[in-house]
Amino acid sequence: MSVLTDAEFFGGSVDDLQAARAACSLPVIRKDFTVSELDVLDARIMGADCVLLIAAALERAELTSLHALAIDVGLDVLVEIHDEAELEHALAAEATLIGVNQRDLVTFEVDHDRAVRMGAAIPDHAVKVAESGVRGRNDARSLRDAGYDAVLVGETIVTSDDPAAAIADLIS
């Protein structure tokens, strides 16, 4: 379960993560802008199982250092990438859980072709996660066919009039 904890930009909170943790037995990822050692440690303290590291927001050495720290404190790490250069940084950090964000961080446009291209570039030893812009079963099926092991879906569920039906559609 992906939980935003940033209050300023996303309206999330630590309480949201802790409520998600208490509500289900699924692993919980703190999906936030993790840019320092304190952010990683805070994720652990608040009860997250996994932390998001966005390659575009970190220098290669920072990504490697934060990834190692997260592993050391018992967190899984989802390293988010957008292109081949960021994939190289993720692999240098020894990432084994790699997400491809289909949404451009500048224009916010969704590019499904990016996910297909990058899915083929990610080594098979890594768990491949397609992020953002997954709008329904056809998108999920297309991503599965492109080699993805999982999808990270937020907006489609959150904005749905019937979130349970939206989830059922995605997994059907």
Protein backbone atom coordinates (compact mmCIF):
# COMPACT_ATOMS: atom_id res chain seq x y z
CA MET A 1 0.00 0.00 0.00
CA SER A 2 1.43 3.33 -1.06
CA VAL A 3 0.96 6.21 1.37
CA LEU A 4 1.88 9.86 0.89
CA THR A 5 3.07 11.52 4.10
CA ASP A 6 3.99 14.98 2.79
CA ALA A 7 1.50 17.52 4.14
CA GLU A 8 2.61 20.60 2.19
CA PHE A 9 2.40 19.23 -1.37
CA PHE A 10 0.17 16.16 -1.07
CA GLY A 11 -2.00 16.64 2.02
CA GLY A 12 -0.63 13.46 3.62
CA SER A 13 0.63 12.78 7.11
CA VAL A 14 2.41 10.33 9.36
CA ASP A 15 -1.03 9.52 10.77
CA ASP A 16 -2.12 8.41 7.28
CA LEU A 17 0.76 5.94 7.09
CA GLN A 18 0.09 4.62 10.57
CA ALA A 19 -3.64 4.27 9.82
CA ALA A 20 -2.82 2.30 6.66
CA ARG A 21 -0.44 0.10 8.66
CA ALA A 22 -3.16 -0.60 11.24
CA ALA A 23 -5.89 -1.22 8.64
CA CYS A 24 -4.30 -4.06 6.70
CA SER A 25 -1.48 -6.56 6.57
CA LEU A 26 -0.11 -5.33 3.24
CA PRO A 27 3.42 -3.88 3.19
CA VAL A 28 3.32 -0.08 3.34
CA ILE A 29 5.56 2.17 1.26
CA ARG A 30 6.21 5.75 2.29
CA LYS A 31 5.80 7.35 -1.12
CA ASP A 32 7.37 10.71 -0.60
CA PHE A 33 10.35 12.85 -1.52
CA THR A 34 13.11 11.00 0.34
CA VAL A 35 16.24 13.12 0.03
CA SER A 36 18.16 12.64 3.28
CA GLU A 37 19.22 10.05 5.80
CA LEU A 38 16.68 11.50 8.23
CA ASP A 39 13.89 10.87 5.71
CA VAL A 40 14.89 7.21 5.49
CA LEU A 41 15.06 6.86 9.28
CA ASP A 42 11.74 8.68 9.69
CA ALA A 43 10.11 6.20 7.30
CA ARG A 44 11.33 3.34 9.48
CA ILE A 45 10.21 5.01 12.71
CA MET A 46 6.73 5.77 11.37
CA GLY A 47 6.22 2.10 10.46
CA ALA A 48 6.88 1.92 6.73
CA ASP A 49 8.10 -1.32 5.17
CA CYS A 50 9.47 0.38 2.08
CA VAL A 51 10.75 3.78 1.02
CA LEU A 52 10.69 5.49 -2.39
CA LEU A 53 13.92 6.91 -3.81
CA ILE A 54 13.45 9.00 -6.94
CA ALA A 55 16.59 8.81 -9.08
CA ALA A 56 15.80 12.15 -10.75
CA ALA A 57 15.90 13.89 -7.35
CA LEU A 58 19.22 12.43 -6.18
CA GLU A 59 22.82 12.41 -7.29
CA ARG A 60 24.17 8.93 -8.00
CA ALA A 61 26.18 8.84 -4.75
CA GLU A 62 23.16 10.01 -2.73
CA LEU A 63 20.96 7.32 -4.28
CA THR A 64 23.53 4.65 -3.49
CA SER A 65 24.02 5.89 0.09
CA LEU A 66 20.31 6.23 0.88
CA HIS A 67 19.57 2.85 -0.69
CA ALA A 68 22.23 1.18 1.48
CA LEU A 69 20.97 2.92 4.62
CA ALA A 70 17.39 1.86 3.96
CA ILE A 71 18.45 -1.76 3.51
CA ASP A 72 20.57 -1.55 6.68
CA VAL A 73 17.57 -0.40 8.76
CA GLY A 74 15.30 -3.10 7.33
CA LEU A 75 13.40 -1.22 4.65
CA ASP A 76 12.74 -2.35 1.12
CA VAL A 77 13.52 0.31 -1.48
CA LEU A 78 11.57 1.21 -4.61
CA VAL A 79 13.91 3.17 -6.88
CA GLU A 80 11.92 5.26 -9.33
CA ILE A 81 13.40 5.95 -12.76
CA HIS A 82 12.36 7.62 -16.02
CA ASP A 83 15.12 6.76 -18.49
CA GLU A 84 18.20 4.71 -19.23
CA ALA A 85 20.60 7.03 -17.41
CA GLU A 86 18.54 6.79 -14.23
CA LEU A 87 18.35 3.02 -14.65
CA GLU A 88 22.16 2.92 -14.63
CA HIS A 89 22.14 4.86 -11.34
CA ALA A 90 19.57 2.45 -9.87
CA LEU A 91 21.60 -0.58 -10.89
CA ALA A 92 24.79 0.99 -9.51
CA ALA A 93 22.95 1.36 -6.18
CA GLU A 94 22.12 -2.38 -6.36
CA ALA A 95 18.38 -1.73 -6.61
CA THR A 96 16.28 -4.86 -6.94
CA LEU A 97 12.88 -3.10 -6.93
CA ILE A 98 12.74 -0.62 -9.82
CA GLY A 99 9.76 1.52 -10.74
CA VAL A 100 9.26 3.34 -14.02
CA ASN A 101 7.21 6.49 -13.60
CA GLN A 102 5.17 6.95 -16.74
CA ARG A 103 4.40 10.54 -15.71
CA ASP A 104 6.92 13.19 -16.72
CA LEU A 105 7.88 15.12 -13.58
CA VAL A 106 7.99 18.43 -15.48
CA THR A 107 5.01 18.29 -17.86
CA PHE A 108 2.99 15.69 -15.88
CA GLU A 109 2.09 14.01 -19.18
CA VAL A 110 1.81 10.21 -19.14
CA ASP A 111 3.94 8.27 -21.62
CA HIS A 112 3.03 4.57 -21.79
CA ASP A 113 5.71 4.00 -24.44
CA ARG A 114 8.36 4.97 -21.87
CA ALA A 115 7.21 2.16 -19.60
CA VAL A 116 7.33 -0.39 -22.39
CA ARG A 117 10.81 0.76 -23.49
CA MET A 118 12.21 0.85 -19.96
CA GLY A 119 10.57 -2.43 -18.95
CA ALA A 120 12.62 -4.19 -21.61
CA ALA A 121 15.81 -2.49 -20.35
CA ILE A 122 15.44 -3.47 -16.69
CA PRO A 123 17.29 -6.73 -15.92
CA ASP A 124 15.13 -9.73 -15.08
CA HIS A 125 16.63 -10.06 -11.57
CA ALA A 126 14.82 -6.86 -10.56
CA VAL A 127 11.15 -6.58 -9.66
CA LYS A 128 9.64 -4.21 -12.25
CA VAL A 129 6.94 -1.76 -11.15
CA ALA A 130 5.04 0.54 -13.52
CA GLU A 131 4.03 3.77 -11.81
CA SER A 132 1.47 6.47 -12.56
CA GLY A 133 -1.04 6.77 -15.36
CA VAL A 134 -2.49 3.27 -14.96
CA ARG A 135 -6.15 3.93 -15.70
CA GLY A 136 -7.72 0.49 -15.89
CA ARG A 137 -7.43 -3.15 -16.85
CA ASN A 138 -6.20 -2.47 -20.39
CA ASP A 139 -3.27 -0.41 -19.08
CA ALA A 140 -2.51 -3.02 -16.41
CA ARG A 141 -2.64 -5.84 -18.96
CA SER A 142 -0.39 -3.95 -21.38
CA LEU A 143 2.14 -3.35 -18.61
CA ARG A 144 2.03 -6.99 -17.55
CA ASP A 145 2.66 -7.97 -21.16
CA ALA A 146 5.64 -5.58 -21.19
CA GLY A 147 7.20 -7.53 -18.34
CA TYR A 148 6.08 -5.64 -15.26
CA ASP A 149 5.55 -7.54 -12.04
CA ALA A 150 3.39 -4.86 -10.40
CA VAL A 151 1.70 -1.52 -10.94
CA LEU A 152 1.56 1.38 -8.52
CA VAL A 153 -1.85 3.00 -8.91
CA GLY A 154 -3.02 6.07 -7.05
CA GLU A 155 -4.98 8.69 -8.92
CA THR A 156 -7.31 6.24 -10.67
CA ILE A 157 -8.42 4.78 -7.35
CA VAL A 158 -8.45 8.00 -5.33
CA THR A 159 -10.54 9.91 -7.87
CA SER A 160 -12.97 7.06 -8.56
CA ASP A 161 -16.56 7.31 -7.36
CA ASP A 162 -16.25 3.61 -6.47
CA PRO A 163 -12.65 2.75 -5.45
CA ALA A 164 -13.51 -0.92 -4.87
CA ALA A 165 -14.85 -1.20 -8.42
CA ALA A 166 -11.75 0.57 -9.79
CA ILE A 167 -9.51 -1.95 -8.01
CA ALA A 168 -11.63 -4.86 -9.23
CA ASP A 169 -11.32 -3.53 -12.79
CA LEU A 170 -7.53 -3.29 -12.48
CA ILE A 171 -7.08 -6.86 -11.28
CA SER A 172 -9.67 -8.50 -13.54
